[in-house]
Amino acid sequence: MIKLAKIWLLIIFLIISAFAYKISQSYSFSIHFVDEEDHIIFAQYINQNYKLYTGLSSNHQPIPYLFSAVVQKVSSPPNMPMLIKRHRQAIFLYTFIWGSILVYF
């Protein structure tokens, strides 16, 4: 019985996530962001072998920069709007994966 309830919760979570993704895609080209530009620029430098906090000064934690560097390396978008969209899709995917794990387990 508990397994069936988990499956139903997962299905409901998938449906809600599908709607959330659809809505988020309509805003994915919005250029109203604050820290993303910092993450994108520092990630570009990290991909060019600069050392974070040695050659680059920042007051943020390293995870957003490293995440952004991986997104840039993997997706290689041709322009800035696509780069922003890929970052937002990667964050949505990361959230979806951990949300699914939380709901199921």
PDB file of N, CA and C in Angstrom:
ATOM      1  N   MET A   1       0.811  -1.195   0.000  1.00  0.00           N
ATOM      2  CA  MET A   1       0.000   0.000   0.000  1.00  0.00           C
ATOM      3  C   MET A   1       0.862   1.269   0.000  1.00  0.00           C
ATOM      4  N   ILE A   2       1.940   1.233   0.790  1.00  0.00           N
ATOM      5  CA  ILE A   2       2.823   2.395   0.849  1.00  0.00           C
ATOM      6  C   ILE A   2       3.517   2.599  -0.488  1.00  0.00           C
ATOM      7  N   LYS A   3       3.911   1.518  -1.149  1.00  0.00           N
ATOM      8  CA  LYS A   3       4.571   1.617  -2.453  1.00  0.00           C
ATOM      9  C   LYS A   3       3.631   2.259  -3.473  1.00  0.00           C
ATOM     10  N   LEU A   4       2.352   1.904  -3.444  1.00  0.00           N
ATOM     11  CA  LEU A   4       1.363   2.490  -4.351  1.00  0.00           C
ATOM     12  C   LEU A   4       1.213   3.987  -4.082  1.00  0.00           C
ATOM     13  N   ALA A   5       1.226   4.374  -2.822  1.00  0.00           N
ATOM     14  CA  ALA A   5       1.133   5.794  -2.471  1.00  0.00           C
ATOM     15  C   ALA A   5       2.355   6.556  -2.980  1.00  0.00           C
ATOM     16  N   LYS A   6       3.533   5.953  -2.875  1.00  0.00           N
ATOM     17  CA  LYS A   6       4.748   6.593  -3.386  1.00  0.00           C
ATOM     18  C   LYS A   6       4.675   6.774  -4.895  1.00  0.00           C
ATOM     19  N   ILE A   7       4.158   5.777  -5.575  1.00  0.00           N
ATOM     20  CA  ILE A   7       4.037   5.866  -7.034  1.00  0.00           C
ATOM     21  C   ILE A   7       3.072   6.983  -7.414  1.00  0.00           C
ATOM     22  N   TRP A   8       1.947   7.083  -6.703  1.00  0.00           N
ATOM     23  CA  TRP A   8       0.994   8.157  -6.984  1.00  0.00           C
ATOM     24  C   TRP A   8       1.603   9.528  -6.693  1.00  0.00           C
ATOM     25  N   LEU A   9       2.340   9.644  -5.605  1.00  0.00           N
ATOM     26  CA  LEU A   9       3.021  10.906  -5.306  1.00  0.00           C
ATOM     27  C   LEU A   9       4.023  11.262  -6.395  1.00  0.00           C
ATOM     28  N   LEU A  10       4.739  10.270  -6.884  1.00  0.00           N
ATOM     29  CA  LEU A  10       5.702  10.505  -7.954  1.00  0.00           C
ATOM     30  C   LEU A  10       4.999  10.942  -9.238  1.00  0.00           C
ATOM     31  N   ILE A  11       3.873  10.327  -9.555  1.00  0.00           N
ATOM     32  CA  ILE A  11       3.103  10.717 -10.747  1.00  0.00           C
ATOM     33  C   ILE A  11       2.605  12.153 -10.613  1.00  0.00           C
ATOM     34  N   ILE A  12       2.085  12.498  -9.446  1.00  0.00           N
ATOM     35  CA  ILE A  12       1.618  13.872  -9.215  1.00  0.00           C
ATOM     36  C   ILE A  12       2.782  14.848  -9.327  1.00  0.00           C
ATOM     37  N   PHE A  13       3.920  14.472  -8.759  1.00  0.00           N
ATOM     38  CA  PHE A  13       5.108  15.318  -8.856  1.00  0.00           C
ATOM     39  C   PHE A  13       5.531  15.503 -10.311  1.00  0.00           C
ATOM     40  N   LEU A  14       5.481  14.448 -11.106  1.00  0.00           N
ATOM     41  CA  LEU A  14       5.835  14.541 -12.528  1.00  0.00           C
ATOM     42  C   LEU A  14       4.894  15.476 -13.273  1.00  0.00           C
ATOM     43  N   ILE A  15       3.614  15.398 -12.984  1.00  0.00           N
ATOM     44  CA  ILE A  15       2.638  16.272 -13.645  1.00  0.00           C
ATOM     45  C   ILE A  15       2.892  17.733 -13.270  1.00  0.00           C
ATOM     46  N   ILE A  16       3.084  17.983 -11.989  1.00  0.00           N
ATOM     47  CA  ILE A  16       3.363  19.355 -11.542  1.00  0.00           C
ATOM     48  C   ILE A  16       4.669  19.861 -12.156  1.00  0.00           C
ATOM     49  N   SER A  17       5.672  19.007 -12.219  1.00  0.00           N
ATOM     50  CA  SER A  17       6.954  19.395 -12.810  1.00  0.00           C
ATOM     51  C   SER A  17       6.816  19.710 -14.295  1.00  0.00           C
ATOM     52  N   ALA A  18       5.988  18.949 -15.000  1.00  0.00           N
ATOM     53  CA  ALA A  18       5.768  19.208 -16.426  1.00  0.00           C
ATOM     54  C   ALA A  18       5.137  20.583 -16.630  1.00  0.00           C
ATOM     55  N   PHE A  19       4.148  20.912 -15.805  1.00  0.00           N
ATOM     56  CA  PHE A  19       3.533  22.240 -15.900  1.00  0.00           C
ATOM     57  C   PHE A  19       4.527  23.335 -15.522  1.00  0.00           C
ATOM     58  N   ALA A  20       5.309  23.108 -14.488  1.00  0.00           N
ATOM     59  CA  ALA A  20       6.299  24.098 -14.064  1.00  0.00           C
ATOM     60  C   ALA A  20       7.347  24.317 -15.154  1.00  0.00           C
ATOM     61  N   TYR A  21       7.758  23.241 -15.823  1.00  0.00           N
ATOM     62  CA  TYR A  21       8.736  23.371 -16.901  1.00  0.00           C
ATOM     63  C   TYR A  21       8.150  24.185 -18.055  1.00  0.00           C
ATOM     64  N   LYS A  22       6.912  23.905 -18.399  1.00  0.00           N
ATOM     65  CA  LYS A  22       6.244  24.635 -19.486  1.00  0.00           C
ATOM     66  C   LYS A  22       6.187  26.129 -19.162  1.00  0.00           C
ATOM     67  N   ILE A  23       5.827  26.447 -17.928  1.00  0.00           N
ATOM     68  CA  ILE A  23       5.757  27.849 -17.522  1.00  0.00           C
ATOM     69  C   ILE A  23       7.151  28.469 -17.497  1.00  0.00           C
ATOM     70  N   SER A  24       8.131  27.756 -16.972  1.00  0.00           N
ATOM     71  CA  SER A  24       9.482  28.318 -16.869  1.00  0.00           C
ATOM     72  C   SER A  24      10.107  28.562 -18.236  1.00  0.00           C
ATOM     73  N   GLN A  25       9.747  27.773 -19.227  1.00  0.00           N
ATOM     74  CA  GLN A  25      10.306  27.970 -20.563  1.00  0.00           C
ATOM     75  C   GLN A  25       9.835  29.273 -21.192  1.00  0.00           C
ATOM     76  N   SER A  26       8.652  29.735 -20.814  1.00  0.00           N
ATOM     77  CA  SER A  26       8.184  31.002 -21.365  1.00  0.00           C
ATOM     78  C   SER A  26       8.976  32.180 -20.787  1.00  0.00           C
ATOM     79  N   TYR A  27       9.640  31.964 -19.666  1.00  0.00           N
ATOM     80  CA  TYR A  27      10.459  33.009 -19.056  1.00  0.00           C
ATOM     81  C   TYR A  27      11.954  32.740 -19.181  1.00  0.00           C
ATOM     82  N   SER A  28      12.345  31.724 -19.887  1.00  0.00           N
ATOM     83  CA  SER A  28      13.760  31.341 -19.905  1.00  0.00           C
ATOM     84  C   SER A  28      14.642  32.322 -20.661  1.00  0.00           C
ATOM     85  N   PHE A  29      14.072  33.137 -21.519  1.00  0.00           N
ATOM     86  CA  PHE A  29      14.880  34.133 -22.220  1.00  0.00           C
ATOM     87  C   PHE A  29      14.813  35.498 -21.558  1.00  0.00           C
ATOM     88  N   SER A  30      14.219  35.559 -20.379  1.00  0.00           N
ATOM     89  CA  SER A  30      14.190  36.806 -19.630  1.00  0.00           C
ATOM     90  C   SER A  30      15.614  37.164 -19.228  1.00  0.00           C
ATOM     91  N   ILE A  31      15.974  38.389 -19.436  1.00  0.00           N
ATOM     92  CA  ILE A  31      17.334  38.813 -19.124  1.00  0.00           C
ATOM     93  C   ILE A  31      17.370  39.510 -17.757  1.00  0.00           C
ATOM     94  N   HIS A  32      16.339  39.358 -16.965  1.00  0.00           N
ATOM     95  CA  HIS A  32      16.286  39.959 -15.634  1.00  0.00           C
ATOM     96  C   HIS A  32      16.923  39.003 -14.635  1.00  0.00           C
ATOM     97  N   PHE A  33      18.218  39.114 -14.472  1.00  0.00           N
ATOM     98  CA  PHE A  33      18.930  38.255 -13.531  1.00  0.00           C
ATOM     99  C   PHE A  33      20.022  39.069 -12.858  1.00  0.00           C
ATOM    100  N   VAL A  34      20.478  38.598 -11.744  1.00  0.00           N
ATOM    101  CA  VAL A  34      21.482  39.342 -10.993  1.00  0.00           C
ATOM    102  C   VAL A  34      22.785  38.550 -10.922  1.00  0.00           C
ATOM    103  N   ASP A  35      22.780  37.454 -10.188  1.00  0.00           N
ATOM    104  CA  ASP A  35      24.015  36.697  -9.980  1.00  0.00           C
ATOM    105  C   ASP A  35      24.391  35.816 -11.160  1.00  0.00           C
ATOM    106  N   GLU A  36      23.457  35.551 -12.069  1.00  0.00           N
ATOM    107  CA  GLU A  36      23.770  34.668 -13.195  1.00  0.00           C
ATOM    108  C   GLU A  36      24.907  35.218 -14.042  1.00  0.00           C
ATOM    109  N   GLU A  37      24.926  36.532 -14.239  1.00  0.00           N
ATOM    110  CA  GLU A  37      25.997  37.093 -15.069  1.00  0.00           C
ATOM    111  C   GLU A  37      27.359  36.867 -14.409  1.00  0.00           C
ATOM    112  N   ASP A  38      27.409  36.991 -13.110  1.00  0.00           N
ATOM    113  CA  ASP A  38      28.643  36.714 -12.371  1.00  0.00           C
ATOM    114  C   ASP A  38      29.043  35.248 -12.527  1.00  0.00           C
ATOM    115  N   HIS A  39      28.097  34.348 -12.393  1.00  0.00           N
ATOM    116  CA  HIS A  39      28.371  32.911 -12.525  1.00  0.00           C
ATOM    117  C   HIS A  39      28.843  32.568 -13.936  1.00  0.00           C
ATOM    118  N   ILE A  40      28.207  33.156 -14.937  1.00  0.00           N
ATOM    119  CA  ILE A  40      28.550  32.869 -16.331  1.00  0.00           C
ATOM    120  C   ILE A  40      29.969  33.344 -16.653  1.00  0.00           C
ATOM    121  N   ILE A  41      30.295  34.545 -16.228  1.00  0.00           N
ATOM    122  CA  ILE A  41      31.617  35.098 -16.532  1.00  0.00           C
ATOM    123  C   ILE A  41      32.719  34.328 -15.806  1.00  0.00           C
ATOM    124  N   PHE A  42      32.519  34.069 -14.528  1.00  0.00           N
ATOM    125  CA  PHE A  42      33.535  33.330 -13.773  1.00  0.00           C
ATOM    126  C   PHE A  42      33.680  31.906 -14.294  1.00  0.00           C
ATOM    127  N   ALA A  43      32.576  31.294 -14.703  1.00  0.00           N
ATOM    128  CA  ALA A  43      32.641  29.942 -15.268  1.00  0.00           C
ATOM    129  C   ALA A  43      33.445  29.939 -16.561  1.00  0.00           C
ATOM    130  N   GLN A  44      33.278  30.984 -17.359  1.00  0.00           N
ATOM    131  CA  GLN A  44      34.056  31.085 -18.596  1.00  0.00           C
ATOM    132  C   GLN A  44      35.552  31.150 -18.281  1.00  0.00           C
ATOM    133  N   TYR A  45      35.902  31.922 -17.257  1.00  0.00           N
ATOM    134  CA  TYR A  45      37.308  31.994 -16.844  1.00  0.00           C
ATOM    135  C   TYR A  45      37.803  30.661 -16.293  1.00  0.00           C
ATOM    136  N   ILE A  46      36.962  29.974 -15.531  1.00  0.00           N
ATOM    137  CA  ILE A  46      37.351  28.657 -15.008  1.00  0.00           C
ATOM    138  C   ILE A  46      37.620  27.699 -16.162  1.00  0.00           C
ATOM    139  N   ASN A  47      36.783  27.758 -17.200  1.00  0.00           N
ATOM    140  CA  ASN A  47      36.991  26.905 -18.373  1.00  0.00           C
ATOM    141  C   ASN A  47      38.252  27.286 -19.149  1.00  0.00           C
ATOM    142  N   GLN A  48      38.771  28.487 -18.908  1.00  0.00           N
ATOM    143  CA  GLN A  48      40.030  28.910 -19.526  1.00  0.00           C
ATOM    144  C   GLN A  48      41.214  28.688 -18.577  1.00  0.00           C
ATOM    145  N   ASN A  49      41.010  27.848 -17.557  1.00  0.00           N
ATOM    146  CA  ASN A  49      42.046  27.430 -16.601  1.00  0.00           C
ATOM    147  C   ASN A  49      42.487  28.508 -15.612  1.00  0.00           C
ATOM    148  N   TYR A  50      41.657  29.514 -15.375  1.00  0.00           N
ATOM    149  CA  TYR A  50      41.940  30.446 -14.288  1.00  0.00           C
ATOM    150  C   TYR A  50      41.576  29.764 -12.972  1.00  0.00           C
ATOM    151  N   LYS A  51      42.249  30.122 -11.906  1.00  0.00           N
ATOM    152  CA  LYS A  51      41.987  29.552 -10.587  1.00  0.00           C
ATOM    153  C   LYS A  51      41.024  30.458  -9.821  1.00  0.00           C
ATOM    154  N   LEU A  52      39.968  29.866  -9.332  1.00  0.00           N
ATOM    155  CA  LEU A  52      38.983  30.602  -8.557  1.00  0.00           C
ATOM    156  C   LEU A  52      39.591  31.011  -7.220  1.00  0.00           C
ATOM    157  N   TYR A  53      39.365  32.249  -6.819  1.00  0.00           N
ATOM    158  CA  TYR A  53      39.847  32.848  -5.568  1.00  0.00           C
ATOM    159  C   TYR A  53      41.352  33.105  -5.562  1.00  0.00           C
ATOM    160  N   THR A  54      42.066  32.682  -6.593  1.00  0.00           N
ATOM    161  CA  THR A  54      43.482  33.021  -6.704  1.00  0.00           C
ATOM    162  C   THR A  54      43.647  34.083  -7.782  1.00  0.00           C
ATOM    163  N   GLY A  55      43.199  33.770  -8.986  1.00  0.00           N
ATOM    164  CA  GLY A  55      43.255  34.728 -10.074  1.00  0.00           C
ATOM    165  C   GLY A  55      41.953  35.502 -10.222  1.00  0.00           C
ATOM    166  N   LEU A  56      40.895  35.002  -9.617  1.00  0.00           N
ATOM    167  CA  LEU A  56      39.576  35.626  -9.702  1.00  0.00           C
ATOM    168  C   LEU A  56      39.061  35.893  -8.293  1.00  0.00           C
ATOM    169  N   SER A  57      38.645  37.110  -8.043  1.00  0.00           N
ATOM    170  CA  SER A  57      38.167  37.474  -6.714  1.00  0.00           C
ATOM    171  C   SER A  57      36.641  37.489  -6.685  1.00  0.00           C
ATOM    172  N   SER A  58      36.066  36.801  -5.698  1.00  0.00           N
ATOM    173  CA  SER A  58      34.612  36.755  -5.563  1.00  0.00           C
ATOM    174  C   SER A  58      34.244  36.535  -4.106  1.00  0.00           C
ATOM    175  N   ASN A  59      33.035  36.961  -3.745  1.00  0.00           N
ATOM    176  CA  ASN A  59      32.555  36.747  -2.386  1.00  0.00           C
ATOM    177  C   ASN A  59      31.510  35.629  -2.326  1.00  0.00           C
ATOM    178  N   HIS A  60      31.352  34.869  -3.407  1.00  0.00           N
ATOM    179  CA  HIS A  60      30.376  33.777  -3.462  1.00  0.00           C
ATOM    180  C   HIS A  60      31.055  32.430  -3.220  1.00  0.00           C
ATOM    181  N   GLN A  61      30.241  31.447  -2.897  1.00  0.00           N
ATOM    182  CA  GLN A  61      30.721  30.077  -2.744  1.00  0.00           C
ATOM    183  C   GLN A  61      31.064  29.499  -4.124  1.00  0.00           C
ATOM    184  N   PRO A  62      31.887  28.467  -4.215  1.00  0.00           N
ATOM    185  CA  PRO A  62      32.358  27.967  -5.514  1.00  0.00           C
ATOM    186  C   PRO A  62      31.355  27.116  -6.296  1.00  0.00           C
ATOM    187  N   ILE A  63      30.365  26.507  -5.656  1.00  0.00           N
ATOM    188  CA  ILE A  63      29.471  25.568  -6.347  1.00  0.00           C
ATOM    189  C   ILE A  63      28.763  26.200  -7.553  1.00  0.00           C
ATOM    190  N   PRO A  64      28.183  27.414  -7.444  1.00  0.00           N
ATOM    191  CA  PRO A  64      27.523  27.977  -8.632  1.00  0.00           C
ATOM    192  C   PRO A  64      28.472  28.182  -9.809  1.00  0.00           C
ATOM    193  N   TYR A  65      29.702  28.581  -9.520  1.00  0.00           N
ATOM    194  CA  TYR A  65      30.669  28.780 -10.596  1.00  0.00           C
ATOM    195  C   TYR A  65      31.045  27.458 -11.254  1.00  0.00           C
ATOM    196  N   LEU A  66      31.274  26.454 -10.442  1.00  0.00           N
ATOM    197  CA  LEU A  66      31.648  25.146 -10.988  1.00  0.00           C
ATOM    198  C   LEU A  66      30.486  24.522 -11.757  1.00  0.00           C
ATOM    199  N   PHE A  67      29.270  24.661 -11.233  1.00  0.00           N
ATOM    200  CA  PHE A  67      28.083  24.168 -11.934  1.00  0.00           C
ATOM    201  C   PHE A  67      27.942  24.861 -13.288  1.00  0.00           C
ATOM    202  N   SER A  68      28.117  26.177 -13.288  1.00  0.00           N
ATOM    203  CA  SER A  68      28.026  26.942 -14.527  1.00  0.00           C
ATOM    204  C   SER A  68      29.125  26.548 -15.510  1.00  0.00           C
ATOM    205  N   ALA A  69      30.321  26.290 -15.002  1.00  0.00           N
ATOM    206  CA  ALA A  69      31.419  25.867 -15.879  1.00  0.00           C
ATOM    207  C   ALA A  69      31.102  24.534 -16.542  1.00  0.00           C
ATOM    208  N   VAL A  70      30.517  23.616 -15.793  1.00  0.00           N
ATOM    209  CA  VAL A  70      30.141  22.316 -16.361  1.00  0.00           C
ATOM    210  C   VAL A  70      29.053  22.495 -17.415  1.00  0.00           C
ATOM    211  N   VAL A  71      28.055  23.326 -17.124  1.00  0.00           N
ATOM    212  CA  VAL A  71      26.977  23.571 -18.094  1.00  0.00           C
ATOM    213  C   VAL A  71      27.547  24.156 -19.377  1.00  0.00           C
ATOM    214  N   GLN A  72      28.450  25.123 -19.249  1.00  0.00           N
ATOM    215  CA  GLN A  72      29.050  25.729 -20.439  1.00  0.00           C
ATOM    216  C   GLN A  72      29.891  24.732 -21.215  1.00  0.00           C
ATOM    217  N   LYS A  73      30.635  23.904 -20.509  1.00  0.00           N
ATOM    218  CA  LYS A  73      31.505  22.926 -21.171  1.00  0.00           C
ATOM    219  C   LYS A  73      30.678  21.868 -21.894  1.00  0.00           C
ATOM    220  N   VAL A  74      29.604  21.397 -21.263  1.00  0.00           N
ATOM    221  CA  VAL A  74      28.792  20.319 -21.831  1.00  0.00           C
ATOM    222  C   VAL A  74      27.906  20.817 -22.968  1.00  0.00           C
ATOM    223  N   SER A  75      27.264  21.973 -22.777  1.00  0.00           N
ATOM    224  CA  SER A  75      26.268  22.405 -23.768  1.00  0.00           C
ATOM    225  C   SER A  75      26.844  23.260 -24.891  1.00  0.00           C
ATOM    226  N   SER A  76      27.889  24.008 -24.651  1.00  0.00           N
ATOM    227  CA  SER A  76      28.525  24.892 -25.645  1.00  0.00           C
ATOM    228  C   SER A  76      27.507  25.692 -26.460  1.00  0.00           C
ATOM    229  N   PRO A  77      26.686  26.506 -25.808  1.00  0.00           N
ATOM    230  CA  PRO A  77      25.696  27.287 -26.551  1.00  0.00           C
ATOM    231  C   PRO A  77      26.363  28.367 -27.410  1.00  0.00           C
ATOM    232  N   PRO A  78      25.762  28.683 -28.560  1.00  0.00           N
ATOM    233  CA  PRO A  78      26.391  29.616 -29.497  1.00  0.00           C
ATOM    234  C   PRO A  78      26.259  31.089 -29.121  1.00  0.00           C
ATOM    235  N   ASN A  79      25.309  31.439 -28.249  1.00  0.00           N
ATOM    236  CA  ASN A  79      25.113  32.842 -27.906  1.00  0.00           C
ATOM    237  C   ASN A  79      24.638  32.978 -26.457  1.00  0.00           C
ATOM    238  N   MET A  80      24.577  34.209 -25.982  1.00  0.00           N
ATOM    239  CA  MET A  80      24.242  34.463 -24.585  1.00  0.00           C
ATOM    240  C   MET A  80      22.812  34.043 -24.213  1.00  0.00           C
ATOM    241  N   PRO A  81      21.788  34.352 -25.019  1.00  0.00           N
ATOM    242  CA  PRO A  81      20.441  33.893 -24.634  1.00  0.00           C
ATOM    243  C   PRO A  81      20.336  32.370 -24.510  1.00  0.00           C
ATOM    244  N   MET A  82      20.997  31.634 -25.396  1.00  0.00           N
ATOM    245  CA  MET A  82      20.965  30.171 -25.289  1.00  0.00           C
ATOM    246  C   MET A  82      21.750  29.693 -24.068  1.00  0.00           C
ATOM    247  N   LEU A  83      22.817  30.395 -23.731  1.00  0.00           N
ATOM    248  CA  LEU A  83      23.585  30.047 -22.537  1.00  0.00           C
ATOM    249  C   LEU A  83      22.727  30.228 -21.285  1.00  0.00           C
ATOM    250  N   ILE A  84      22.006  31.332 -21.220  1.00  0.00           N
ATOM    251  CA  ILE A  84      21.117  31.576 -20.080  1.00  0.00           C
ATOM    252  C   ILE A  84      20.029  30.513 -20.027  1.00  0.00           C
ATOM    253  N   LYS A  85      19.464  30.185 -21.185  1.00  0.00           N
ATOM    254  CA  LYS A  85      18.421  29.156 -21.221  1.00  0.00           C
ATOM    255  C   LYS A  85      18.975  27.803 -20.763  1.00  0.00           C
ATOM    256  N   ARG A  86      20.173  27.440 -21.195  1.00  0.00           N
ATOM    257  CA  ARG A  86      20.777  26.166 -20.786  1.00  0.00           C
ATOM    258  C   ARG A  86      21.034  26.132 -19.280  1.00  0.00           C
ATOM    259  N   HIS A  87      21.471  27.254 -18.727  1.00  0.00           N
ATOM    260  CA  HIS A  87      21.675  27.315 -17.280  1.00  0.00           C
ATOM    261  C   HIS A  87      20.358  27.085 -16.546  1.00  0.00           C
ATOM    262  N   ARG A  88      19.327  27.733 -16.990  1.00  0.00           N
ATOM    263  CA  ARG A  88      18.032  27.594 -16.316  1.00  0.00           C
ATOM    264  C   ARG A  88      17.461  26.197 -16.498  1.00  0.00           C
ATOM    265  N   GLN A  89      17.683  25.591 -17.658  1.00  0.00           N
ATOM    266  CA  GLN A  89      17.237  24.209 -17.851  1.00  0.00           C
ATOM    267  C   GLN A  89      18.029  23.256 -16.958  1.00  0.00           C
ATOM    268  N   ALA A  90      19.312  23.497 -16.809  1.00  0.00           N
ATOM    269  CA  ALA A  90      20.135  22.640 -15.947  1.00  0.00           C
ATOM    270  C   ALA A  90      19.690  22.746 -14.490  1.00  0.00           C
ATOM    271  N   ILE A  91      19.375  23.945 -14.042  1.00  0.00           N
ATOM    272  CA  ILE A  91      18.879  24.126 -12.672  1.00  0.00           C
ATOM    273  C   ILE A  91      17.544  23.417 -12.505  1.00  0.00           C
ATOM    274  N   PHE A  92      16.670  23.523 -13.511  1.00  0.00           N
ATOM    275  CA  PHE A  92      15.371  22.841 -13.431  1.00  0.00           C
ATOM    276  C   PHE A  92      15.574  21.332 -13.376  1.00  0.00           C
ATOM    277  N   LEU A  93      16.469  20.810 -14.193  1.00  0.00           N
ATOM    278  CA  LEU A  93      16.739  19.370 -14.193  1.00  0.00           C
ATOM    279  C   LEU A  93      17.304  18.920 -12.846  1.00  0.00           C
ATOM    280  N   TYR A  94      18.236  19.676 -12.302  1.00  0.00           N
ATOM    281  CA  TYR A  94      18.815  19.371 -10.993  1.00  0.00           C
ATOM    282  C   TYR A  94      17.719  19.347  -9.918  1.00  0.00           C
ATOM    283  N   THR A  95      16.852  20.345  -9.938  1.00  0.00           N
ATOM    284  CA  THR A  95      15.748  20.418  -8.979  1.00  0.00           C
ATOM    285  C   THR A  95      14.787  19.260  -9.160  1.00  0.00           C
ATOM    286  N   PHE A  96      14.492  18.924 -10.412  1.00  0.00           N
ATOM    287  CA  PHE A  96      13.573  17.823 -10.698  1.00  0.00           C
ATOM    288  C   PHE A  96      14.131  16.490 -10.189  1.00  0.00           C
ATOM    289  N   ILE A  97      15.401  16.250 -10.428  1.00  0.00           N
ATOM    290  CA  ILE A  97      16.011  14.986  -9.981  1.00  0.00           C
ATOM    291  C   ILE A  97      15.945  14.865  -8.461  1.00  0.00           C
ATOM    292  N   TRP A  98      16.367  15.909  -7.748  1.00  0.00           N
ATOM    293  CA  TRP A  98      16.346  15.836  -6.287  1.00  0.00           C
ATOM    294  C   TRP A  98      14.925  15.836  -5.748  1.00  0.00           C
ATOM    295  N   GLY A  99      14.010  16.537  -6.410  1.00  0.00           N
ATOM    296  CA  GLY A  99      12.605  16.490  -5.995  1.00  0.00           C
ATOM    297  C   GLY A  99      12.017  15.104  -6.159  1.00  0.00           C
ATOM    298  N   SER A 100      12.351  14.441  -7.256  1.00  0.00           N
ATOM    299  CA  SER A 100      11.873  13.070  -7.487  1.00  0.00           C
ATOM    300  C   SER A 100      12.405  12.118  -6.422  1.00  0.00           C
ATOM    301  N   ILE A 101      13.666  12.268  -6.089  1.00  0.00           N
ATOM    302  CA  ILE A 101      14.254  11.419  -5.048  1.00  0.00           C
ATOM    303  C   ILE A 101      13.567  11.671  -3.707  1.00  0.00           C
ATOM    304  N   LEU A 102      13.338  12.939  -3.397  1.00  0.00           N
ATOM    305  CA  LEU A 102      12.677  13.284  -2.141  1.00  0.00           C
ATOM    306  C   LEU A 102      11.261  12.721  -2.079  1.00  0.00           C
ATOM    307  N   VAL A 103      10.515  12.838  -3.174  1.00  0.00           N
ATOM    308  CA  VAL A 103       9.135  12.343  -3.195  1.00  0.00           C
ATOM    309  C   VAL A 103       9.099  10.827  -3.126  1.00  0.00           C
ATOM    310  N   TYR A 104       9.973  10.156  -3.843  1.00  0.00           N
ATOM    311  CA  TYR A 104       9.901   8.697  -3.910  1.00  0.00           C
ATOM    312  C   TYR A 104      10.450   8.024  -2.653  1.00  0.00           C
ATOM    313  N   PHE A 105      11.535   8.533  -2.117  1.00  0.00           N
ATOM    314  CA  PHE A 105      12.151   7.878  -0.963  1.00  0.00           C
ATOM    315  C   PHE A 105      11.769   8.599   0.294  1.00  0.00           C
TER     316      PHE A 105
END
